[in-house]
Every structure is written in structure tokens, then in C-alpha cells.
C-alpha atoms as a PDB file:
ATOM      1  CA  GLN A   1      13.913  -5.315  -2.118  1.00  0.00           C
ATOM      2  CA  VAL A   2      11.634  -2.825  -0.411  1.00  0.00           C
ATOM      3  CA  GLN A   3       9.612  -0.576  -2.693  1.00  0.00           C
ATOM      4  CA  LEU A   4       8.325   2.769  -1.448  1.00  0.00           C
ATOM      5  CA  VAL A   5       5.349   4.720  -2.759  1.00  0.00           C
ATOM      6  CA  GLU A   6       4.619   8.249  -1.594  1.00  0.00           C
ATOM      7  CA  SER A   7       1.153   9.804  -1.584  1.00  0.00           C
ATOM      8  CA  GLY A   8      -0.672  12.790  -0.190  1.00  0.00           C
ATOM      9  CA  GLY A   9       0.967  15.551  -2.162  1.00  0.00           C
ATOM     10  CA  GLY A  10      -1.004  18.257  -3.904  1.00  0.00           C
ATOM     11  CA  LEU A  11      -1.704  21.951  -4.178  1.00  0.00           C
ATOM     12  CA  VAL A  12      -2.259  23.912  -0.981  1.00  0.00           C
ATOM     13  CA  GLN A  13      -2.355  27.575  -0.058  1.00  0.00           C
ATOM     14  CA  ALA A  14       0.318  29.120   2.101  1.00  0.00           C
ATOM     15  CA  GLY A  15      -0.424  28.465   5.753  1.00  0.00           C
ATOM     16  CA  GLY A  16      -2.154  25.207   4.964  1.00  0.00           C
ATOM     17  CA  SER A  17      -1.301  21.632   5.864  1.00  0.00           C
ATOM     18  CA  LEU A  18      -0.618  18.346   4.131  1.00  0.00           C
ATOM     19  CA  ARG A  19       0.094  14.851   5.343  1.00  0.00           C
ATOM     20  CA  LEU A  20       2.380  12.766   3.192  1.00  0.00           C
ATOM     21  CA  SER A  21       2.334   8.997   3.441  1.00  0.00           C
ATOM     22  CA  CYS A  22       4.956   6.479   2.390  1.00  0.00           C
ATOM     23  CA  THR A  23       3.848   2.888   1.900  1.00  0.00           C
ATOM     24  CA  ALA A  24       6.446   0.129   1.832  1.00  0.00           C
ATOM     25  CA  SER A  25       5.988  -3.200   0.082  1.00  0.00           C
ATOM     26  CA  GLY A  26       8.124  -6.166  -0.858  1.00  0.00           C
ATOM     27  CA  GLY A  27       9.743  -6.192   2.560  1.00  0.00           C
ATOM     28  CA  THR A  28       9.682  -4.586   5.978  1.00  0.00           C
ATOM     29  CA  ILE A  29      10.989  -1.210   7.147  1.00  0.00           C
ATOM     30  CA  ILE A  30      11.176  -2.355  10.775  1.00  0.00           C
ATOM     31  CA  GLY A  31      14.974  -2.546  10.837  1.00  0.00           C
ATOM     32  CA  ASP A  32      15.581   0.641   8.881  1.00  0.00           C
ATOM     33  CA  ALA A  33      15.771   4.314   9.606  1.00  0.00           C
ATOM     34  CA  MET A  34      13.426   6.263   7.366  1.00  0.00           C
ATOM     35  CA  GLY A  35      13.688   9.744   5.982  1.00  0.00           C
ATOM     36  CA  TRP A  36      12.010  12.387   3.891  1.00  0.00           C
ATOM     37  CA  PHE A  37      13.827  14.507   1.358  1.00  0.00           C
ATOM     38  CA  ARG A  38      12.694  17.095  -1.145  1.00  0.00           C
ATOM     39  CA  GLN A  39      13.890  18.544  -4.409  1.00  0.00           C
ATOM     40  CA  ALA A  40      12.751  21.831  -5.885  1.00  0.00           C
ATOM     41  CA  PRO A  41      13.249  22.669  -9.575  1.00  0.00           C
ATOM     42  CA  GLY A  42      16.852  23.584 -10.281  1.00  0.00           C
ATOM     43  CA  LYS A  43      17.989  22.656  -6.785  1.00  0.00           C
ATOM     44  CA  GLU A  44      19.700  19.688  -5.213  1.00  0.00           C
ATOM     45  CA  ARG A  45      17.793  17.133  -3.196  1.00  0.00           C
ATOM     46  CA  GLU A  46      17.764  18.184   0.447  1.00  0.00           C
ATOM     47  CA  PHE A  47      17.122  16.508   3.756  1.00  0.00           C
ATOM     48  CA  VAL A  48      13.823  17.233   5.492  1.00  0.00           C
ATOM     49  CA  ALA A  49      13.457  14.766   8.365  1.00  0.00           C
ATOM     50  CA  ALA A  50      14.515  11.325   9.544  1.00  0.00           C
ATOM     51  CA  ILE A  51      13.287   8.882  12.151  1.00  0.00           C
ATOM     52  CA  SER A  52      15.154   6.027  13.786  1.00  0.00           C
ATOM     53  CA  ARG A  53      14.158   2.399  13.397  1.00  0.00           C
ATOM     54  CA  ASP A  54      12.867   2.270  16.982  1.00  0.00           C
ATOM     55  CA  ASP A  55      10.878   5.516  16.666  1.00  0.00           C
ATOM     56  CA  VAL A  56      12.890   7.069  19.497  1.00  0.00           C
ATOM     57  CA  THR A  57      14.913   9.637  17.582  1.00  0.00           C
ATOM     58  CA  SER A  58      13.788  12.105  14.951  1.00  0.00           C
ATOM     59  CA  VAL A  59      15.862  14.814  13.329  1.00  0.00           C
ATOM     60  CA  TYR A  60      14.700  17.759  11.242  1.00  0.00           C
ATOM     61  CA  ALA A  61      16.238  20.230   8.870  1.00  0.00           C
ATOM     62  CA  ASN A  62      16.092  23.779  10.206  1.00  0.00           C
ATOM     63  CA  SER A  63      13.517  24.593   7.544  1.00  0.00           C
ATOM     64  CA  ALA A  64      11.223  21.864   8.880  1.00  0.00           C
ATOM     65  CA  LYS A  65      11.600  22.310  12.629  1.00  0.00           C
ATOM     66  CA  ASP A  66       8.435  23.280  14.493  1.00  0.00           C
ATOM     67  CA  ARG A  67       6.330  22.863  11.327  1.00  0.00           C
ATOM     68  CA  PHE A  68       6.838  19.268  10.156  1.00  0.00           C
ATOM     69  CA  THR A  69       6.517  16.001  12.052  1.00  0.00           C
ATOM     70  CA  ILE A  70       7.840  12.646  10.903  1.00  0.00           C
ATOM     71  CA  SER A  71       6.303   9.470  12.248  1.00  0.00           C
ATOM     72  CA  ARG A  72       6.172   5.791  11.447  1.00  0.00           C
ATOM     73  CA  ASP A  73       3.876   2.821  11.929  1.00  0.00           C
ATOM     74  CA  ASN A  74       6.001  -0.299  11.650  1.00  0.00           C
ATOM     75  CA  ALA A  75       2.965  -2.550  11.938  1.00  0.00           C
ATOM     76  CA  LYS A  76       1.539  -0.953   8.789  1.00  0.00           C
ATOM     77  CA  ASN A  77       4.924  -0.580   7.098  1.00  0.00           C
ATOM     78  CA  MET A  78       4.312   3.128   6.670  1.00  0.00           C
ATOM     79  CA  VAL A  79       6.013   6.442   7.285  1.00  0.00           C
ATOM     80  CA  TYR A  80       4.340   9.846   7.448  1.00  0.00           C
ATOM     81  CA  LEU A  81       5.277  13.488   7.188  1.00  0.00           C
ATOM     82  CA  GLU A  82       2.818  15.944   8.679  1.00  0.00           C
ATOM     83  CA  MET A  83       3.443  19.412   7.278  1.00  0.00           C
ATOM     84  CA  ASN A  84       1.863  22.509   8.799  1.00  0.00           C
ATOM     85  CA  SER A  85       2.176  26.243   8.159  1.00  0.00           C
ATOM     86  CA  LEU A  86       3.318  25.525   4.633  1.00  0.00           C
ATOM     87  CA  LYS A  87       5.205  28.191   2.718  1.00  0.00           C
ATOM     88  CA  PRO A  88       5.736  28.685  -1.029  1.00  0.00           C
ATOM     89  CA  GLU A  89       9.388  27.733  -0.515  1.00  0.00           C
ATOM     90  CA  ASP A  90       8.242  24.276   0.597  1.00  0.00           C
ATOM     91  CA  THR A  91       7.206  23.593  -2.998  1.00  0.00           C
ATOM     92  CA  ALA A  92       9.122  20.531  -4.187  1.00  0.00           C
ATOM     93  CA  VAL A  93       8.920  16.865  -4.983  1.00  0.00           C
ATOM     94  CA  TYR A  94       9.030  14.992  -1.679  1.00  0.00           C
ATOM     95  CA  TYR A  95      10.755  11.625  -1.462  1.00  0.00           C
ATOM     96  CA  CYS A  96      10.602   8.893   1.122  1.00  0.00           C
ATOM     97  CA  ALA A  97      13.734   6.805   1.652  1.00  0.00           C
ATOM     98  CA  GLY A  98      15.070   4.004   3.812  1.00  0.00           C
ATOM     99  CA  ALA A  99      18.491   3.496   5.339  1.00  0.00           C
ATOM    100  CA  ARG A 100      20.190   0.579   7.099  1.00  0.00           C
ATOM    101  CA  VAL A 101      22.011   3.122   9.275  1.00  0.00           C
ATOM    102  CA  PHE A 102      20.473   6.368  10.527  1.00  0.00           C
ATOM    103  CA  ALA A 103      21.490   9.233   8.266  1.00  0.00           C
ATOM    104  CA  THR A 104      20.607  12.795   7.391  1.00  0.00           C
ATOM    105  CA  HIS A 105      22.276  12.913   3.988  1.00  0.00           C
ATOM    106  CA  SER A 106      20.858  11.386   0.844  1.00  0.00           C
ATOM    107  CA  THR A 107      23.998   9.325   0.249  1.00  0.00           C
ATOM    108  CA  GLY A 108      23.217   7.369   3.391  1.00  0.00           C
ATOM    109  CA  TYR A 109      19.932   6.028   2.041  1.00  0.00           C
ATOM    110  CA  ASP A 110      19.601   2.693   0.347  1.00  0.00           C
ATOM    111  CA  TYR A 111      16.209   2.766  -1.327  1.00  0.00           C
ATOM    112  CA  TRP A 112      13.850   5.480  -2.497  1.00  0.00           C
ATOM    113  CA  GLY A 113      10.329   6.139  -3.619  1.00  0.00           C
ATOM    114  CA  GLN A 114       9.385   7.969  -6.802  1.00  0.00           C
ATOM    115  CA  GLY A 115       8.250  11.130  -5.046  1.00  0.00           C
ATOM    116  CA  THR A 116       5.070  13.149  -4.663  1.00  0.00           C
ATOM    117  CA  GLN A 117       4.645  16.764  -5.737  1.00  0.00           C
ATOM    118  CA  VAL A 118       3.820  19.400  -3.138  1.00  0.00           C
ATOM    119  CA  THR A 119       2.939  22.857  -4.419  1.00  0.00           C
ATOM    120  CA  VAL A 120       2.278  25.736  -2.057  1.00  0.00           C
ATOM    121  CA  SER A 121       0.667  28.808  -3.558  1.00  0.00           C
ATOM    122  CA  SER A 122       1.100  32.285  -2.114  1.00  0.00           C
END
């Protein structure tokens, strides 16, 4: 069973940047699509970005397009989310997840990390 651990969250001012990392252990992510989701207080978990197992295809939520970039390093068993031009509405707990089949909805994901808090101040 693959375990995921997110890191890189923190407090940043609006307009700033953060790079989230997701480290996998206990198995490999090579055969899996990987995604990032987020959940703000009082809201449902929402899709942010996903990347295919072969690193060819990436998909973004409208809120993340042109500001966030998802990437992966299969050799290191890691996934990243580069976030630029951050806004207060990006404040949430960010989760990394893996899926056997490429998906953009949380129900399509098979394993999850515990999340990392991102707070963007205005």
C-alpha cells in the first residue's frame, strides 16, 4: 500500500508562491495517475490538478489554470504542485492522491495523503 506525505505548505502573502511536494513510500507511483485536491473550511474537497502516469497529460481546475503547475518525478516517487500568484481564496488543506485510472474527481482516487495547510493572507 502506497503512503503519501505532503509537505511545503505554509503562510504566504497574496501574490506569493509555494511549492508543494508529495512523497510516496511503501510502493511506487509509476503506474498511477496522481492528483492534487484541496479543502477549505466548510467546503467540500475540490479538484486542483492531475497528471497522467506517463507525464504526458495534465489537467487543471479553472481556478488553477495559468497559476499552478503539477509535475512528477517517477524516479524519486514524488509529485509536485507549483503555485504562483496565490490568492486568499487558495487557502485550504491541500491533498495529494493516487489513482489507478486517470480521474479529476475525488471518488476516482485510491489512496491519499494527510494534507498540508496553505494559508494565503491578503
